[in-house]
Protein backbone atom coordinates (compact mmCIF):
# COMPACT_ATOMS: atom_id res chain seq x y z
CA MET A 1 -0.17 0.00 -0.13
CA LYS A 2 1.15 3.46 -0.45
CA ILE A 3 0.09 5.94 2.56
CA LEU A 4 0.08 9.34 2.84
CA ILE A 5 0.43 11.04 6.46
CA THR A 6 -0.24 14.63 6.96
CA GLY A 7 1.31 15.71 10.01
CA GLY A 8 3.88 13.02 9.33
CA ALA A 9 6.85 14.72 11.37
CA GLY A 10 4.94 15.05 14.53
CA PHE A 11 4.74 13.06 17.38
CA ILE A 12 1.97 10.54 16.46
CA GLY A 13 2.69 10.79 12.77
CA SER A 14 6.49 9.45 13.13
CA HIS A 15 5.30 6.48 15.30
CA LEU A 16 2.66 5.88 12.29
CA ALA A 17 4.95 6.22 9.75
CA GLU A 18 7.30 3.72 11.61
CA ALA A 19 4.55 1.00 11.73
CA LEU A 20 3.39 1.34 8.22
CA LEU A 21 6.85 0.89 7.26
CA GLU A 22 7.57 -2.39 9.36
CA GLN A 23 4.67 -3.87 7.62
CA GLY A 24 6.20 -2.83 4.10
CA ASP A 25 4.04 -0.20 3.08
CA GLU A 26 5.64 2.98 1.07
CA VAL A 27 5.01 5.74 3.30
CA PHE A 28 4.80 9.80 2.30
CA ILE A 29 4.62 12.24 4.83
CA ILE A 30 3.72 16.26 4.67
CA ASP A 31 4.83 18.44 7.17
CA ASP A 32 5.33 22.13 7.69
CA LEU A 33 7.29 21.55 10.71
CA SER A 34 4.90 24.30 12.66
CA THR A 35 4.84 21.65 15.55
CA GLY A 36 6.45 18.60 13.94
CA SER A 37 10.10 17.92 13.78
CA VAL A 38 12.66 16.90 11.55
CA GLU A 39 14.22 14.80 14.48
CA ASN A 40 10.73 12.83 14.89
CA ILE A 41 11.64 11.54 11.03
CA ALA A 42 15.53 11.51 11.39
CA HIS A 43 15.69 7.69 11.54
CA LEU A 44 13.61 6.81 8.80
CA GLN A 45 15.03 9.17 6.34
CA GLY A 46 16.90 7.06 3.80
CA HIS A 47 14.81 4.34 4.09
CA PRO A 48 13.80 3.16 0.63
CA ARG A 49 10.25 3.47 1.19
CA PHE A 50 10.04 6.83 2.90
CA HIS A 51 8.95 10.07 1.36
CA GLN A 52 9.21 13.24 2.99
CA TYR A 53 7.90 16.77 1.91
CA PHE A 54 8.08 19.74 4.07
CA ASP A 55 5.37 22.12 2.95
CA SER A 56 1.81 22.74 3.73
CA VAL A 57 -1.47 20.87 3.41
CA LEU A 58 -2.44 24.09 1.83
CA ASN A 59 -0.38 23.88 -1.04
CA ARG A 60 -2.70 22.31 -3.23
CA GLN A 61 -0.36 21.61 -5.82
CA ILE A 62 1.65 19.39 -4.00
CA MET A 63 -1.21 17.48 -2.14
CA ALA A 64 -2.96 16.83 -5.23
CA ASP A 65 0.17 14.80 -6.82
CA LEU A 66 0.68 12.98 -3.20
CA ILE A 67 -3.16 12.16 -2.61
CA ASP A 68 -2.98 10.59 -6.24
CA ARG A 69 0.01 8.76 -5.37
CA ALA A 70 -1.74 7.51 -2.32
CA ASP A 71 -3.91 4.43 -1.53
CA THR A 72 -5.09 5.55 1.79
CA ILE A 73 -4.59 9.25 3.87
CA PHE A 74 -4.00 9.75 7.29
CA HIS A 75 -4.75 13.01 8.12
CA LEU A 76 -3.19 14.27 11.40
CA ALA A 77 -2.08 17.57 10.51
CA ALA A 78 -3.71 20.26 12.78
CA ALA A 79 -2.87 22.75 15.51
CA VAL A 80 -2.30 20.86 18.95
CA GLY A 81 -1.56 21.56 22.54
CA VAL A 82 -3.53 23.91 24.96
CA LYS A 83 -1.08 26.48 24.80
CA LEU A 84 -0.89 27.13 21.22
CA ILE A 85 -4.62 27.10 20.84
CA VAL A 86 -5.13 29.60 23.32
CA GLU A 87 -2.54 31.83 22.34
CA SER A 88 -3.43 31.46 18.24
CA PRO A 89 -6.75 30.84 17.91
CA VAL A 90 -6.98 32.04 14.26
CA ARG A 91 -4.46 29.81 13.36
CA THR A 92 -5.95 26.82 15.29
CA ILE A 93 -9.14 27.43 13.47
CA GLU A 94 -7.97 28.16 9.95
CA THR A 95 -5.05 25.00 10.27
CA ASN A 96 -7.77 22.87 11.30
CA VAL A 97 -10.83 23.73 8.78
CA LYS A 98 -8.80 24.91 5.53
CA GLY A 99 -6.06 21.93 5.54
CA THR A 100 -9.19 19.39 5.86
CA GLU A 101 -11.05 20.81 3.56
CA VAL A 102 -7.91 20.55 0.92
CA VAL A 103 -7.61 16.99 1.84
CA LEU A 104 -11.43 15.61 1.38
CA GLU A 105 -11.69 17.71 -1.56
CA LEU A 106 -8.83 16.30 -3.28
CA ALA A 107 -9.62 12.74 -1.93
CA SER A 108 -12.91 12.50 -2.94
CA LYS A 109 -12.24 13.13 -6.59
CA LYS A 110 -10.33 9.88 -6.74
CA GLN A 111 -12.08 8.03 -3.88
CA LYS A 112 -9.44 7.70 -1.66
CA LYS A 113 -9.81 6.80 2.20
CA VAL A 114 -9.28 9.29 4.62
CA VAL A 115 -8.46 8.58 8.38
CA LEU A 116 -9.43 11.89 10.04
CA ALA A 117 -7.41 12.56 13.13
CA SER A 118 -9.88 14.24 15.65
CA THR A 119 -9.89 14.57 19.57
CA SER A 120 -11.40 14.07 22.85
CA GLU A 121 -12.06 17.83 23.02
CA VAL A 122 -15.28 17.88 20.76
CA TYR A 123 -17.03 16.39 23.71
CA GLY A 124 -16.20 19.64 25.30
CA LYS A 125 -18.27 20.20 28.84
CA SER A 126 -20.48 17.14 28.57
CA THR A 127 -20.70 15.44 32.34
CA ARG A 128 -21.71 11.92 30.76
CA ILE A 129 -18.98 9.59 31.31
CA PRO A 130 -17.31 7.48 29.93
CA PHE A 131 -17.82 9.73 26.26
CA CYS A 132 -19.44 7.82 23.72
CA GLU A 133 -19.11 8.47 19.98
CA ASP A 134 -22.90 9.31 19.53
CA ASP A 135 -23.18 11.38 22.65
CA ASP A 136 -24.32 15.01 22.35
CA LEU A 137 -20.94 17.62 22.11
CA VAL A 138 -21.48 20.16 24.52
CA MET A 139 -19.08 23.46 23.51
CA GLY A 140 -18.13 26.46 25.47
CA PRO A 141 -18.93 29.81 24.25
CA PRO A 142 -17.26 31.49 21.33
CA THR A 143 -15.82 34.00 23.97
CA LYS A 144 -13.82 31.48 25.17
CA GLY A 145 -10.88 30.68 22.70
CA ARG A 146 -10.37 27.68 24.96
CA TRP A 147 -13.17 25.86 22.69
CA SER A 148 -11.78 27.38 19.23
CA TYR A 149 -10.05 23.87 18.61
CA ALA A 150 -12.98 21.47 19.59
CA CYS A 151 -15.35 23.39 17.32
CA SER A 152 -12.79 23.43 14.36
CA LYS A 153 -12.17 19.58 14.95
CA ALA A 154 -15.82 19.14 15.35
CA LEU A 155 -16.60 20.63 12.04
CA ASP A 156 -13.70 18.57 10.47
CA GLU A 157 -16.07 15.46 11.48
CA PHE A 158 -19.06 17.10 10.10
CA LEU A 159 -17.11 17.63 6.50
CA ALA A 160 -15.20 14.01 6.81
CA LEU A 161 -18.69 12.31 7.57
CA SER A 162 -20.88 14.42 4.68
CA TYR A 163 -18.07 13.70 1.88
CA TRP A 164 -18.71 10.01 2.43
CA LYS A 165 -22.53 10.41 2.76
CA GLU A 166 -22.71 12.69 -0.04
CA ARG A 167 -19.82 11.83 -2.16
CA GLN A 168 -18.91 8.32 -1.18
CA CYS A 169 -15.55 9.39 -0.30
CA PRO A 170 -14.48 6.86 2.20
CA THR A 171 -13.60 8.50 5.85
CA ILE A 172 -13.26 7.57 9.27
CA VAL A 173 -12.96 9.61 12.53
CA ALA A 174 -10.55 8.67 15.19
CA ARG A 175 -10.81 10.75 18.52
CA PHE A 176 -7.61 10.37 20.33
CA PHE A 177 -7.74 10.94 24.10
CA ASN A 178 -4.62 12.31 25.61
CA THR A 179 -2.09 10.44 23.34
CA VAL A 180 1.30 10.20 24.77
CA GLY A 181 4.98 8.65 24.37
CA PRO A 182 8.37 9.22 23.25
CA ARG A 183 8.72 12.31 20.97
CA GLN A 184 6.25 14.26 22.30
CA THR A 185 7.04 17.85 23.21
CA GLY A 186 5.99 19.63 26.29
CA GLN A 187 6.38 22.75 24.17
CA TYR A 188 2.47 23.15 23.75
CA GLY A 189 1.18 22.34 26.95
CA MET A 190 1.23 18.77 26.63
CA VAL A 191 1.01 17.52 30.64
CA ILE A 192 3.27 14.28 30.68
CA PRO A 193 6.36 15.30 28.98
CA ARG A 194 6.17 18.82 30.90
CA PHE A 195 5.64 16.77 34.34
CA VAL A 196 8.67 14.42 33.22
CA ALA A 197 10.93 17.34 32.17
CA GLN A 198 10.51 19.28 35.28
CA ALA A 199 10.69 16.33 37.11
CA LEU A 200 14.13 15.46 36.10
CA THR A 201 15.69 18.37 36.23
CA HIS A 202 14.02 18.68 39.93
CA GLU A 203 12.62 22.11 38.91
CA PRO A 204 9.03 22.42 40.17
CA ILE A 205 6.31 20.35 38.76
CA THR A 206 3.51 22.74 37.73
CA ILE A 207 -0.16 21.75 37.97
CA PHE A 208 -2.35 24.50 36.23
CA GLY A 209 -5.65 24.59 37.99
CA SER A 210 -6.79 22.51 40.87
CA GLY A 211 -5.39 19.26 39.83
CA THR A 212 -8.55 17.43 40.39
CA GLN A 213 -9.20 17.28 36.81
CA THR A 214 -8.83 13.89 35.14
CA ARG A 215 -7.62 12.28 32.08
CA CYS A 216 -6.80 8.87 30.44
CA PHE A 217 -3.57 8.37 28.56
CA GLY A 218 -3.29 6.29 25.54
CA TRP A 219 0.22 4.69 24.62
CA VAL A 220 0.91 6.21 21.14
CA LYS A 221 1.65 2.88 19.94
CA ASP A 222 -1.65 1.59 21.26
CA VAL A 223 -3.11 4.59 19.07
CA VAL A 224 -0.91 3.48 15.94
CA ARG A 225 -2.09 0.09 16.15
CA ALA A 226 -5.98 1.07 16.45
CA LEU A 227 -5.29 3.44 13.49
CA LEU A 228 -4.13 0.48 11.23
CA LEU A 229 -6.78 -1.65 12.47
CA ILE A 230 -9.78 0.87 11.90
CA SER A 231 -8.04 1.91 8.34
CA GLN A 232 -8.26 -1.62 7.32
CA HIS A 233 -11.69 -2.37 8.53
CA PRO A 234 -14.61 -1.73 5.93
CA GLN A 235 -17.39 -1.46 8.51
CA ALA A 236 -15.34 1.33 10.31
CA ILE A 237 -15.68 3.41 6.86
CA GLY A 238 -18.25 6.67 7.94
CA GLU A 239 -17.74 5.70 11.51
CA ILE A 240 -16.18 7.50 14.50
CA PHE A 241 -13.94 5.71 17.13
CA ASN A 242 -12.81 6.98 20.55
CA ILE A 243 -9.19 5.77 21.04
CA GLY A 244 -7.14 5.51 23.87
CA SER A 245 -7.50 4.03 27.69
CA SER A 246 -10.14 4.19 29.77
CA HIS A 247 -7.96 4.13 33.02
CA GLU A 248 -8.77 7.47 34.97
CA MET A 249 -6.11 9.49 36.71
CA SER A 250 -6.19 13.11 38.13
CA ILE A 251 -3.50 15.68 37.29
CA ALA A 252 -2.38 15.74 40.88
CA GLU A 253 -2.05 12.13 41.13
CA LEU A 254 -0.22 12.09 37.65
CA ALA A 255 2.21 14.55 39.11
CA GLN A 256 2.86 12.75 42.46
CA LEU A 257 3.30 9.14 40.33
CA VAL A 258 6.16 11.18 37.75
CA LYS A 259 7.86 12.30 41.23
CA LYS A 260 8.02 9.31 42.57
CA LEU A 261 9.10 7.13 39.64
CA THR A 262 11.56 9.55 38.49
CA GLY A 263 13.09 9.65 42.08
CA SER A 264 12.75 13.70 42.13
CA HIS A 265 13.25 16.17 44.42
CA SER A 266 10.93 18.62 42.78
CA GLU A 267 8.43 20.26 44.73
CA ILE A 268 4.59 20.50 43.13
CA GLN A 269 3.10 23.69 42.50
CA PHE A 270 -0.26 24.71 41.61
CA ILE A 271 -0.71 27.59 38.90
CA PRO A 272 -4.21 29.40 38.43
CA TYR A 273 -5.44 28.75 34.81
CA ASP A 274 -5.91 32.72 34.49
CA ARG A 275 -1.68 32.76 34.86
CA ALA A 276 -1.12 29.54 33.05
CA TYR A 277 -3.29 30.31 30.14
CA GLU A 278 -5.64 33.29 30.12
CA ALA A 279 -8.00 34.88 32.06
CA GLY A 280 -11.28 32.99 32.57
CA PHE A 281 -9.87 29.69 30.62
CA GLU A 282 -12.17 26.75 31.03
CA ASP A 283 -11.05 23.32 31.45
CA MET A 284 -12.88 19.70 30.75
CA GLU A 285 -12.96 18.50 33.94
CA ARG A 286 -13.35 14.66 33.17
CA ARG A 287 -12.29 13.17 29.77
CA VAL A 288 -12.96 9.38 29.68
CA PRO A 289 -13.58 7.36 26.56
CA SER A 290 -15.61 4.60 26.60
CA LEU A 291 -13.67 1.99 24.07
CA GLU A 292 -16.55 -0.31 23.32
CA LYS A 293 -17.21 0.51 19.77
CA ILE A 294 -13.56 0.06 18.87
CA HIS A 295 -13.17 -3.38 21.05
CA ASN A 296 -16.29 -4.65 19.31
CA LEU A 297 -15.37 -3.98 15.83
CA VAL A 298 -11.39 -4.82 15.73
CA GLY A 299 -10.65 -6.38 19.30
CA TYR A 300 -8.55 -3.30 20.25
CA SER A 301 -7.56 -2.47 23.90
CA PRO A 302 -4.74 -0.75 25.66
CA THR A 303 -1.51 -2.89 26.34
CA LEU A 304 0.30 -0.62 28.93
CA SER A 305 -0.28 0.66 32.59
CA ILE A 306 0.05 4.34 33.27
CA GLU A 307 3.10 3.43 35.22
CA GLU A 308 4.76 1.30 32.29
CA ILE A 309 3.85 4.08 30.02
CA LEU A 310 5.89 6.71 32.12
CA LEU A 311 8.64 4.61 32.63
CA ASN A 312 8.93 4.53 28.73
CA ILE A 313 8.71 8.18 28.47
CA ILE A 314 10.84 9.01 31.30
CA GLU A 315 14.03 6.57 29.77
CA HIS A 316 13.52 7.97 26.31
CA CYS A 317 13.80 11.74 28.07
CA LYS A 318 17.06 11.00 29.89
CA ARG A 319 18.66 10.22 26.71
CA HIS A 320 16.37 13.04 24.75
CA PRO A 321 15.99 15.81 27.00
CA ILE A 322 12.75 17.83 26.70
CA SER A 323 12.90 21.45 25.82
CA LEU A 324 9.92 23.40 27.23
CA ALA A 325 11.00 26.52 25.89
CA SER A 326 8.47 28.55 23.85
């Protein structure tokens, strides 16, 4: 198979490229390196079935050529990270919506399969736990920039499913729940790489908000495996799937666990949201997926505990220190 990954030099994209090469596929990636990094794919460069293009998905000419050559497109290119979203809402909306429009429009002309990366953020303020794929989405107000990402990705989902229903372009939506692992940067607000980097340097571990907010952390290799499984299953077309782990942990508990596993002397500090992000910032208190749908279709289940995930990340960060600089 010939596979195109948009955002292929990003954290998840680089792991997906690895997995595709390992199963014998030919991989094309495009990335504008706004949040991705050449370092993420350095070990793949020179592989005879790996091809890289450093450009924007908004470049229609190069995208048309790449999509013509691909059998399946994994559309991962997007603005990511709470910090980036809050600071650059225009970039967030335009990158997510315009980029997806280009991919779907070009893919539909040749009936190429598109797997769209979406996010648990689309569930917004919903309090129905666990989140199921057909639940209502409860968005915050437009006056809160925090929700621009959720809204833009929800629009991407509507667009992808509409291309399937109206134009028979095969599309699949994958909602990621806090995917973590080696190569993830803390630069844009990702919590685990930030905590690990702080702990390893014995700097204060900074918790934004009260720390009572909970998350479920999905191991990147599990997420990649899930993407491959649904991309190859005919009954996945036109459907939405939660992907991640259903093990719920508070951010305060996470900080304590990182401190313990690193043997760090760091103190744990709490920083109010209005100092960490912006005045009036709103967060999701709980973010727990139902994995029943994807498990029933392809047998997906997480393979690593949060402790095993953290130990993997800690060992990686010891060899490749994370920069938290803006």
